[in-house]
Protein backbone atom coordinates (compact mmCIF):
# COMPACT_ATOMS: atom_id res chain seq x y z
CA UNK A 1 95.50 101.30 96.19
CA UNK A 2 95.85 103.69 99.09
CA UNK A 3 93.00 101.95 100.92
CA UNK A 4 94.78 98.61 100.72
CA UNK A 5 98.04 100.05 102.03
CA UNK A 6 96.18 101.84 104.84
CA UNK A 7 94.39 98.61 105.78
CA UNK A 8 97.61 96.56 105.96
CA UNK A 9 99.45 99.28 107.90
CA UNK A 10 96.67 99.50 110.49
CA UNK A 11 96.15 95.82 111.26
CA UNK A 12 96.23 95.19 115.01
CA UNK A 13 98.96 92.57 114.53
CA UNK A 14 101.45 93.63 111.87
CA UNK A 15 102.25 90.65 109.64
CA UNK A 16 105.80 89.86 108.53
CA UNK A 17 104.56 88.71 105.13
CA UNK A 18 101.51 89.58 103.04
CA UNK A 19 100.27 87.64 100.02
CA UNK A 20 98.19 89.79 97.68
CA UNK A 21 96.05 87.83 95.22
CA UNK A 22 94.11 89.45 92.41
CA UNK A 23 93.84 90.17 88.73
CA UNK A 24 95.38 92.43 86.15
CA UNK A 25 95.55 95.33 85.79
CA UNK A 26 95.23 95.89 89.55
CA UNK A 27 98.18 93.76 90.69
CA UNK A 28 100.43 95.30 88.05
CA UNK A 29 99.37 98.80 89.09
CA UNK A 30 100.00 97.97 92.77
CA UNK A 31 103.44 96.49 92.03
CA UNK A 32 104.33 99.51 89.85
CA UNK A 33 103.26 101.94 92.58
CA UNK A 34 105.38 100.17 95.20
CA UNK A 35 108.39 99.75 92.90
CA UNK A 36 108.49 103.12 91.14
CA UNK A 37 106.03 105.42 92.86
CA UNK A 38 104.41 105.98 89.47
CA UNK A 39 100.96 105.30 88.18
CA UNK A 40 100.11 103.03 85.31
CA UNK A 41 101.38 99.50 85.00
CA UNK A 42 105.05 98.82 84.29
CA UNK A 43 104.76 95.27 85.68
CA UNK A 44 102.61 92.79 83.77
CA UNK A 45 101.44 89.58 85.37
CA UNK A 46 100.54 86.69 83.11
CA UNK A 47 97.77 84.36 84.31
CA UNK A 48 99.01 82.55 87.40
CA UNK A 49 102.07 84.82 87.70
CA UNK A 50 103.79 85.46 90.99
CA UNK A 51 106.30 88.00 92.24
CA UNK A 52 108.10 88.77 95.46
CA UNK A 53 108.54 92.34 96.62
CA UNK A 54 110.75 93.18 99.58
CA UNK A 55 109.44 96.15 101.57
CA UNK A 56 110.98 97.65 104.69
CA UNK A 57 108.19 100.16 105.36
CA UNK A 58 104.92 99.89 103.44
CA UNK A 59 103.77 103.27 102.14
CA UNK A 60 102.34 104.75 98.94
CA UNK A 61 105.13 105.45 96.50
CA UNK A 62 108.48 103.85 95.88
CA UNK A 63 109.14 101.54 98.83
CA UNK A 64 109.77 98.09 97.35
CA UNK A 65 112.45 96.07 95.61
CA UNK A 66 111.54 93.33 93.13
CA UNK A 67 113.19 90.10 94.23
CA UNK A 68 111.71 87.85 91.53
CA UNK A 69 108.89 87.60 88.97
CA UNK A 70 107.73 84.23 87.63
CA UNK A 71 105.20 83.09 85.06
CA UNK A 72 103.03 80.02 85.67
CA UNK A 73 105.07 78.20 83.00
CA UNK A 74 108.31 78.87 84.87
CA UNK A 75 106.78 77.63 88.10
CA UNK A 76 105.62 74.48 86.31
CA UNK A 77 109.19 73.74 85.25
CA UNK A 78 110.24 73.74 88.93
CA UNK A 79 108.26 70.60 89.78
């Protein structure tokens, strides 16, 4: 996870928004790291799930706030 954070932090043009796409357990572990600073996976993504984290300064450890977490079923109900 540290490599990903290092990569994003050292892009020549710092993006305002980043969309991370992947699979469990890696996305859950990344979200948990950014939300709590802990290891393991406290956040579980169902297939097709999506969440929004708000981050002022990207760094390893607790640096994010969870704005929302949706399942693919919930997103389907929005259409």
